[in-house]
Amino acid sequence: MWDWLVQELTEGTEVVVQPGGVGDPVTYQAADRVEVLPEDKGIRIISFHGHGLSPAMTLHMTPARWARHLRETVEDGVEAFGTRNEGGIVEAFALFLVHLEEAVEGRRPGEDHVVLTRNGLDPLRTPPHLL
């Protein structure tokens, strides 16, 4: 599951926009750039949906903790999206991505660290090991 997340955050998506019937279609690459921290202790997000983050935001979680989080949020994802694919893990993953987008877009100055919670992601000003 960890590889699935890293792949999702590094591939980006391509969107073609038709500019109101005037001119040629425009293609946007909503690329994310991330670094996996040493010993898989988290993921540093450098760019999210094509926007650079300065400073970068760090997701503090291990592959095992993230997999457990997905399993714990399967029913929340199924309820949110109204479907159940691969036992609901696809919906849990999609819900995580929604929470990640909310955390990135809603962060306040200094909230450069994020931890998993039962209800999504919580931003922090200090890395969790320093709290």
N, C-alpha and C. Protein backbone atom coordinates (compact mmCIF):
# COMPACT_ATOMS: atom_id res chain seq x y z
N MET A 1 0.81 -1.20 0.00
CA MET A 1 0.00 0.00 0.00
C MET A 1 0.86 1.27 0.00
N TRP A 2 2.01 1.20 0.64
CA TRP A 2 2.93 2.35 0.69
C TRP A 2 3.35 2.74 -0.72
N ASP A 3 3.71 1.73 -1.52
CA ASP A 3 4.12 2.00 -2.90
C ASP A 3 2.99 2.64 -3.70
N TRP A 4 1.77 2.22 -3.42
CA TRP A 4 0.60 2.77 -4.08
C TRP A 4 0.51 4.27 -3.79
N LEU A 5 0.70 4.67 -2.54
CA LEU A 5 0.65 6.08 -2.16
C LEU A 5 1.78 6.85 -2.82
N VAL A 6 2.99 6.35 -2.72
CA VAL A 6 4.13 7.05 -3.30
C VAL A 6 3.95 7.20 -4.81
N GLN A 7 3.47 6.16 -5.46
CA GLN A 7 3.21 6.22 -6.90
C GLN A 7 2.17 7.29 -7.21
N GLU A 8 1.10 7.32 -6.45
CA GLU A 8 0.03 8.30 -6.66
C GLU A 8 0.56 9.73 -6.51
N LEU A 9 1.44 9.93 -5.54
CA LEU A 9 1.95 11.27 -5.28
C LEU A 9 3.09 11.68 -6.20
N THR A 10 3.62 10.77 -6.98
CA THR A 10 4.71 11.14 -7.87
C THR A 10 4.33 11.14 -9.34
N GLU A 11 3.25 10.49 -9.69
CA GLU A 11 2.87 10.44 -11.10
C GLU A 11 2.13 11.69 -11.55
N GLY A 12 1.28 12.26 -10.71
CA GLY A 12 0.49 13.40 -11.13
C GLY A 12 -0.58 12.99 -12.11
N THR A 13 -1.43 13.90 -12.44
CA THR A 13 -2.49 13.62 -13.39
C THR A 13 -2.47 14.67 -14.49
N GLU A 14 -2.94 14.29 -15.64
CA GLU A 14 -2.97 15.21 -16.76
C GLU A 14 -4.43 15.56 -17.03
N VAL A 15 -4.70 16.86 -17.17
CA VAL A 15 -6.05 17.34 -17.40
C VAL A 15 -6.05 18.19 -18.65
N VAL A 16 -6.98 17.93 -19.56
CA VAL A 16 -7.13 18.74 -20.76
C VAL A 16 -8.34 19.65 -20.57
N VAL A 17 -8.12 20.95 -20.75
CA VAL A 17 -9.18 21.94 -20.55
C VAL A 17 -9.51 22.57 -21.90
N GLN A 18 -10.80 22.60 -22.22
CA GLN A 18 -11.28 23.27 -23.43
C GLN A 18 -11.57 24.72 -23.04
N PRO A 19 -10.83 25.68 -23.54
CA PRO A 19 -11.00 27.08 -23.12
C PRO A 19 -12.23 27.76 -23.71
N GLY A 20 -13.40 27.30 -23.34
CA GLY A 20 -14.66 27.93 -23.74
C GLY A 20 -14.87 28.02 -25.24
N GLY A 21 -14.34 27.07 -25.99
CA GLY A 21 -14.54 27.07 -27.43
C GLY A 21 -13.64 28.04 -28.17
N VAL A 22 -12.78 28.77 -27.45
CA VAL A 22 -11.89 29.73 -28.08
C VAL A 22 -10.46 29.22 -27.98
N GLY A 23 -9.86 28.90 -29.09
CA GLY A 23 -8.48 28.44 -29.07
C GLY A 23 -8.37 26.94 -28.88
N ASP A 24 -7.12 26.48 -28.88
CA ASP A 24 -6.82 25.07 -28.74
C ASP A 24 -6.96 24.62 -27.29
N PRO A 25 -7.23 23.31 -27.08
CA PRO A 25 -7.27 22.79 -25.72
C PRO A 25 -5.91 22.97 -25.04
N VAL A 26 -5.95 23.17 -23.73
CA VAL A 26 -4.74 23.35 -22.93
C VAL A 26 -4.59 22.14 -22.03
N THR A 27 -3.39 21.57 -21.98
CA THR A 27 -3.12 20.42 -21.12
C THR A 27 -2.32 20.86 -19.91
N TYR A 28 -2.81 20.53 -18.73
CA TYR A 28 -2.12 20.83 -17.49
C TYR A 28 -1.61 19.54 -16.87
N GLN A 29 -0.43 19.58 -16.35
CA GLN A 29 0.13 18.43 -15.63
C GLN A 29 0.11 18.80 -14.14
N ALA A 30 -0.78 18.17 -13.39
CA ALA A 30 -0.89 18.43 -11.96
C ALA A 30 0.05 17.50 -11.23
N ALA A 31 1.33 17.77 -11.37
CA ALA A 31 2.34 16.86 -10.83
C ALA A 31 2.62 17.15 -9.36
N ASP A 32 2.84 16.09 -8.63
CA ASP A 32 3.25 16.17 -7.24
C ASP A 32 4.71 15.74 -7.17
N ARG A 33 5.46 16.32 -6.27
CA ARG A 33 6.83 15.88 -6.04
C ARG A 33 6.96 15.56 -4.57
N VAL A 34 7.44 14.37 -4.30
CA VAL A 34 7.61 13.95 -2.91
C VAL A 34 8.95 13.25 -2.74
N GLU A 35 9.37 13.17 -1.49
CA GLU A 35 10.55 12.38 -1.12
C GLU A 35 10.13 11.47 0.02
N VAL A 36 10.49 10.21 -0.10
CA VAL A 36 10.25 9.28 1.01
C VAL A 36 11.41 9.47 1.98
N LEU A 37 11.09 9.69 3.25
CA LEU A 37 12.11 9.91 4.27
C LEU A 37 12.90 8.63 4.53
N PRO A 38 14.13 8.76 5.01
CA PRO A 38 14.93 7.57 5.33
C PRO A 38 14.17 6.62 6.26
N GLU A 39 14.37 5.35 6.02
CA GLU A 39 13.73 4.27 6.80
C GLU A 39 12.21 4.32 6.71
N ASP A 40 11.68 4.91 5.64
CA ASP A 40 10.22 5.01 5.44
C ASP A 40 9.50 5.61 6.64
N LYS A 41 10.06 6.66 7.21
CA LYS A 41 9.47 7.31 8.39
C LYS A 41 8.45 8.36 8.01
N GLY A 42 8.21 8.55 6.73
CA GLY A 42 7.24 9.53 6.29
C GLY A 42 7.48 9.94 4.86
N ILE A 43 6.73 10.94 4.44
CA ILE A 43 6.82 11.46 3.08
C ILE A 43 6.84 12.98 3.15
N ARG A 44 7.84 13.57 2.52
CA ARG A 44 7.93 15.03 2.44
C ARG A 44 7.33 15.44 1.10
N ILE A 45 6.32 16.30 1.17
CA ILE A 45 5.64 16.78 -0.04
C ILE A 45 6.26 18.11 -0.43
N ILE A 46 6.88 18.13 -1.59
CA ILE A 46 7.57 19.32 -2.08
C ILE A 46 6.66 20.13 -3.00
N SER A 47 5.85 19.43 -3.79
CA SER A 47 4.91 20.06 -4.70
C SER A 47 3.63 19.24 -4.68
N PHE A 48 2.49 19.91 -4.66
CA PHE A 48 1.22 19.21 -4.60
C PHE A 48 0.29 19.81 -5.64
N HIS A 49 -0.19 18.98 -6.54
CA HIS A 49 -1.07 19.41 -7.64
C HIS A 49 -0.48 20.58 -8.42
N GLY A 50 0.82 20.50 -8.66
CA GLY A 50 1.49 21.50 -9.47
C GLY A 50 1.91 22.76 -8.74
N HIS A 51 1.64 22.83 -7.44
CA HIS A 51 2.01 24.02 -6.67
C HIS A 51 3.12 23.66 -5.68
N GLY A 52 4.24 24.36 -5.78
CA GLY A 52 5.34 24.12 -4.86
C GLY A 52 4.98 24.52 -3.44
N LEU A 53 5.39 23.73 -2.48
CA LEU A 53 5.15 24.03 -1.07
C LEU A 53 6.45 24.52 -0.47
N SER A 54 6.43 25.71 0.08
CA SER A 54 7.62 26.26 0.70
C SER A 54 7.24 26.82 2.06
N PRO A 55 7.68 26.18 3.11
CA PRO A 55 8.48 24.97 3.13
C PRO A 55 7.65 23.73 2.80
N ALA A 56 8.36 22.66 2.52
CA ALA A 56 7.70 21.39 2.23
C ALA A 56 6.89 20.93 3.43
N MET A 57 5.88 20.11 3.19
CA MET A 57 5.05 19.55 4.26
C MET A 57 5.43 18.08 4.43
N THR A 58 5.56 17.64 5.67
CA THR A 58 5.96 16.27 5.94
C THR A 58 4.83 15.48 6.56
N LEU A 59 4.49 14.34 5.92
CA LEU A 59 3.53 13.38 6.48
C LEU A 59 4.34 12.44 7.36
N HIS A 60 4.09 12.46 8.65
CA HIS A 60 4.82 11.61 9.58
C HIS A 60 4.03 10.32 9.78
N MET A 61 4.46 9.27 9.08
CA MET A 61 3.80 7.97 9.19
C MET A 61 4.71 6.92 8.56
N THR A 62 4.58 5.73 9.01
CA THR A 62 5.33 4.61 8.45
C THR A 62 4.40 3.84 7.52
N PRO A 63 4.93 2.98 6.68
CA PRO A 63 4.07 2.16 5.83
C PRO A 63 3.06 1.34 6.65
N ALA A 64 3.50 0.77 7.76
CA ALA A 64 2.59 -0.04 8.59
C ALA A 64 1.49 0.82 9.19
N ARG A 65 1.83 2.00 9.67
CA ARG A 65 0.82 2.89 10.26
C ARG A 65 -0.18 3.35 9.21
N TRP A 66 0.31 3.63 8.00
CA TRP A 66 -0.59 4.07 6.94
C TRP A 66 -1.52 2.95 6.52
N ALA A 67 -1.00 1.73 6.39
CA ALA A 67 -1.84 0.58 6.03
C ALA A 67 -2.91 0.35 7.08
N ARG A 68 -2.53 0.47 8.36
CA ARG A 68 -3.51 0.31 9.45
C ARG A 68 -4.58 1.39 9.36
N HIS A 69 -4.16 2.63 9.06
CA HIS A 69 -5.11 3.74 8.92
C HIS A 69 -6.12 3.44 7.81
N LEU A 70 -5.64 2.94 6.68
CA LEU A 70 -6.56 2.61 5.59
C LEU A 70 -7.56 1.55 6.02
N ARG A 71 -7.08 0.51 6.68
CA ARG A 71 -8.00 -0.55 7.14
C ARG A 71 -9.03 0.01 8.13
N GLU A 72 -8.61 0.94 8.98
CA GLU A 72 -9.51 1.53 9.98
C GLU A 72 -10.55 2.45 9.36
N THR A 73 -10.27 2.99 8.17
CA THR A 73 -11.18 3.97 7.57
C THR A 73 -11.95 3.42 6.36
N VAL A 74 -11.92 2.12 6.18
CA VAL A 74 -12.64 1.51 5.06
C VAL A 74 -14.11 1.90 5.08
N GLU A 75 -14.78 1.72 6.20
CA GLU A 75 -16.22 2.00 6.24
C GLU A 75 -16.51 3.49 6.05
N ASP A 76 -15.63 4.36 6.54
CA ASP A 76 -15.81 5.80 6.30
C ASP A 76 -15.72 6.10 4.81
N GLY A 77 -14.76 5.47 4.12
CA GLY A 77 -14.61 5.68 2.69
C GLY A 77 -15.78 5.14 1.90
N VAL A 78 -16.26 3.96 2.29
CA VAL A 78 -17.42 3.37 1.62
C VAL A 78 -18.63 4.28 1.79
N GLU A 79 -18.82 4.79 2.99
CA GLU A 79 -19.95 5.69 3.25
C GLU A 79 -19.81 6.99 2.46
N ALA A 80 -18.60 7.53 2.40
CA ALA A 80 -18.38 8.80 1.70
C ALA A 80 -18.61 8.70 0.20
N PHE A 81 -18.18 7.58 -0.41
CA PHE A 81 -18.24 7.45 -1.86
C PHE A 81 -19.37 6.57 -2.36
N GLY A 82 -20.00 5.81 -1.46
CA GLY A 82 -21.14 4.99 -1.86
C GLY A 82 -20.80 3.78 -2.70
N THR A 83 -19.54 3.36 -2.69
CA THR A 83 -19.11 2.18 -3.43
C THR A 83 -18.22 1.34 -2.53
N ARG A 84 -17.92 0.12 -2.96
CA ARG A 84 -17.00 -0.75 -2.22
C ARG A 84 -16.17 -1.54 -3.23
N ASN A 85 -14.95 -1.08 -3.45
CA ASN A 85 -14.04 -1.74 -4.38
C ASN A 85 -12.88 -2.34 -3.60
N GLU A 86 -12.54 -3.59 -3.96
CA GLU A 86 -11.48 -4.32 -3.26
C GLU A 86 -11.68 -4.28 -1.75
N GLY A 87 -12.91 -4.56 -1.35
CA GLY A 87 -13.23 -4.60 0.07
C GLY A 87 -13.34 -3.24 0.72
N GLY A 88 -13.31 -2.18 -0.07
CA GLY A 88 -13.42 -0.82 0.47
C GLY A 88 -12.09 -0.11 0.61
N ILE A 89 -10.99 -0.80 0.33
CA ILE A 89 -9.68 -0.18 0.49
C ILE A 89 -9.46 0.93 -0.53
N VAL A 90 -10.05 0.81 -1.72
CA VAL A 90 -9.94 1.85 -2.74
C VAL A 90 -10.62 3.13 -2.24
N GLU A 91 -11.77 2.98 -1.60
CA GLU A 91 -12.49 4.15 -1.08
C GLU A 91 -11.74 4.76 0.10
N ALA A 92 -11.14 3.93 0.95
CA ALA A 92 -10.34 4.45 2.06
C ALA A 92 -9.16 5.25 1.53
N PHE A 93 -8.53 4.75 0.48
CA PHE A 93 -7.41 5.46 -0.15
C PHE A 93 -7.88 6.80 -0.71
N ALA A 94 -9.02 6.80 -1.41
CA ALA A 94 -9.55 8.04 -1.97
C ALA A 94 -9.89 9.04 -0.87
N LEU A 95 -10.44 8.55 0.24
CA LEU A 95 -10.76 9.44 1.36
C LEU A 95 -9.48 10.02 1.95
N PHE A 96 -8.43 9.22 2.04
CA PHE A 96 -7.14 9.73 2.52
C PHE A 96 -6.66 10.86 1.62
N LEU A 97 -6.78 10.70 0.30
CA LEU A 97 -6.33 11.74 -0.63
C LEU A 97 -7.15 13.02 -0.47
N VAL A 98 -8.44 12.89 -0.18
CA VAL A 98 -9.26 14.07 0.09
C VAL A 98 -8.75 14.77 1.35
N HIS A 99 -8.47 13.99 2.38
CA HIS A 99 -7.97 14.58 3.63
C HIS A 99 -6.60 15.22 3.42
N LEU A 100 -5.77 14.60 2.59
CA LEU A 100 -4.46 15.17 2.31
C LEU A 100 -4.60 16.50 1.59
N GLU A 101 -5.48 16.55 0.61
CA GLU A 101 -5.70 17.81 -0.11
C GLU A 101 -6.21 18.89 0.85
N GLU A 102 -7.12 18.54 1.74
CA GLU A 102 -7.61 19.51 2.73
C GLU A 102 -6.48 19.99 3.63
N ALA A 103 -5.61 19.08 4.05
CA ALA A 103 -4.50 19.45 4.93
C ALA A 103 -3.52 20.38 4.23
N VAL A 104 -3.22 20.09 2.97
CA VAL A 104 -2.27 20.92 2.23
C VAL A 104 -2.88 22.29 1.96
N GLU A 105 -4.10 22.31 1.47
CA GLU A 105 -4.73 23.58 1.10
C GLU A 105 -5.11 24.43 2.31
N GLY A 106 -5.39 23.78 3.43
CA GLY A 106 -5.85 24.51 4.60
C GLY A 106 -4.78 24.81 5.64
N ARG A 107 -3.54 24.45 5.36
CA ARG A 107 -2.51 24.65 6.37
C ARG A 107 -2.21 26.12 6.58
N ARG A 108 -1.92 26.44 7.83
CA ARG A 108 -1.57 27.80 8.20
C ARG A 108 -0.05 27.90 8.30
N PRO A 109 0.47 29.11 8.29
CA PRO A 109 1.93 29.28 8.39
C PRO A 109 2.50 28.50 9.58
N GLY A 110 3.55 27.77 9.32
CA GLY A 110 4.21 26.99 10.36
C GLY A 110 3.69 25.58 10.52
N GLU A 111 2.55 25.27 9.94
CA GLU A 111 1.99 23.92 10.04
C GLU A 111 2.59 23.07 8.91
N ASP A 112 3.82 22.66 9.13
CA ASP A 112 4.57 21.96 8.10
C ASP A 112 4.66 20.45 8.34
N HIS A 113 3.99 19.96 9.38
CA HIS A 113 4.03 18.55 9.73
C HIS A 113 2.60 18.06 9.86
N VAL A 114 2.36 16.83 9.41
CA VAL A 114 1.01 16.26 9.44
C VAL A 114 1.09 14.85 10.00
N VAL A 115 0.11 14.51 10.85
CA VAL A 115 0.01 13.16 11.40
C VAL A 115 -1.37 12.59 11.11
N LEU A 116 -1.44 11.28 11.03
CA LEU A 116 -2.71 10.58 10.82
C LEU A 116 -3.53 10.60 12.10
N THR A 117 -4.83 10.81 11.95
CA THR A 117 -5.77 10.66 13.07
C THR A 117 -6.94 9.83 12.57
N ARG A 118 -7.78 9.42 13.44
CA ARG A 118 -8.95 8.62 13.06
C ARG A 118 -9.83 9.37 12.08
N ASN A 119 -9.87 10.69 12.19
CA ASN A 119 -10.74 11.50 11.34
C ASN A 119 -10.02 12.13 10.15
N GLY A 120 -8.80 11.73 9.90
CA GLY A 120 -8.09 12.29 8.75
C GLY A 120 -6.65 12.61 9.08
N LEU A 121 -6.30 13.87 8.86
CA LEU A 121 -4.93 14.34 9.09
C LEU A 121 -4.96 15.60 9.94
N ASP A 122 -4.04 15.69 10.89
CA ASP A 122 -3.93 16.89 11.71
C ASP A 122 -2.60 17.57 11.44
N PRO A 123 -2.66 18.88 11.16
CA PRO A 123 -1.42 19.63 10.96
C PRO A 123 -0.78 19.98 12.30
N LEU A 124 0.55 20.02 12.30
CA LEU A 124 1.31 20.37 13.50
C LEU A 124 2.38 21.40 13.13
N ARG A 125 2.79 22.17 14.11
CA ARG A 125 3.87 23.13 13.90
C ARG A 125 5.23 22.49 14.21
N THR A 126 5.23 21.43 14.99
CA THR A 126 6.46 20.78 15.42
C THR A 126 6.39 19.32 15.03
N PRO A 127 7.49 18.72 14.57
CA PRO A 127 7.46 17.28 14.26
C PRO A 127 6.98 16.50 15.47
N PRO A 128 6.21 15.42 15.27
CA PRO A 128 5.62 14.71 16.39
C PRO A 128 6.64 14.14 17.39
N HIS A 129 7.83 13.78 16.96
CA HIS A 129 8.81 13.25 17.89
C HIS A 129 9.40 14.32 18.80
N LEU A 130 9.14 15.61 18.49
CA LEU A 130 9.63 16.70 19.32
C LEU A 130 8.56 17.25 20.25
N LEU A 131 7.34 16.72 20.18
CA LEU A 131 6.24 17.21 21.02
C LEU A 131 6.40 16.76 22.46
